Amino acid sequence: MIINQGNLKTLYVAFKAAFQGGLGQAAPQYGTVATTVPSTTGSEEYGWLGKLPSLREWLGERVINGITTSGYTIKNKQFELTIGVPRPAIEDDQYGVYTPLFTEMGRSSAAHPDELVFGAMAANGNCYDGAAFFSGAHPVLNGNGKAVNQSNDMGGAGTAWYVLDNSRALKPMIFQQRKSANFVAKDRETDDNVFDRNEFRYGIDTRDNVGYGFWQMAVRSGQTLDEAGLTAAITALTSRKGDYNRPLGLVGTHLVVPPTLEFAATALLKNAFNAAGATNTLAGRLQILVSPWLS
């Protein structure tokens, strides 16, 4: 290929098309467990976390549910992926061998939120109340207005699995998006990378981050994933109460597991009969979500 701006533009269009094609190859899962929150600044403060409001009988004046109850902030981070194509490969019409890399760049871009969201779930960072998201030290007011600790961690030293309520407007995780992937090129003869290194460069960059929503909507367990363990986790989630012993009405919608627990999860939730041959009362109770990013 003769190196000129017309041909380089055609090449850019071809590489970008391969990138766009790769975007459709991944099947993102993060939207099931995370609420996407658009961001317009370098960080966003979620002062309203900590309140799960509900109706009360109107006696006397209204009770105002204030939104500034925590100082939980998610700061956006920058991410990039860059591919360099040597000039001789373009001159010798060998640029086609690089096309799959741009398709993979698109797939990686689509999978990026999954990697962040499920990576954060496994990492178990701190949430709005200062405790780890999965913890036995979440303060909740009891019927007498005294703070007592609640737990959303079932313990155990085995491979972690999770029961979540993803039915609410705000899901257990938060994906904060400031800037989606933008495909750009440094392919002019006067660009430093071309002049100094004889290399054309193409890349994407994003700005986003992930955080934690309401810990009340999630349970983690490292116990054996069996009928007793799953029943206990579902019960712990659905029976959870908020401040002043107010039922939260959580239902439990998904069982989230890494690939190593996929078949155990399938046996528990899709077989009509359990291991003892009796009717499987858990059949169809939860949807299964298998995430490779939990490995």
Foldseek 3Di string as FASTA:
>chain_A
DDDDPVVVVVVLVLLVVLLQLLLVVADDDVVQFAAEDEDADQKDWQQQFPDDDDDDPDDDDDDDRDRRNFGDMDGKDKDKDKDKDFLVCVVVVNCVVCSNVSSVNNNCLNCVVVLQFLLCVLVQPAARQRDGLFDQADWFAEQVGDTDTHGQEPDADAQKKKWFQSPDNGGFKYKYFHFGWDKDWDRDCPRCCCVPVNIIMIMIMGIIHMGGGHSLGMHMYRDDPDPVVVVVSQCSNQCDAHHSRHGSRGQTAEMEHEPVCVVVVCQLADDQAHPVRHGRPNHPSYHYHYRNSSD
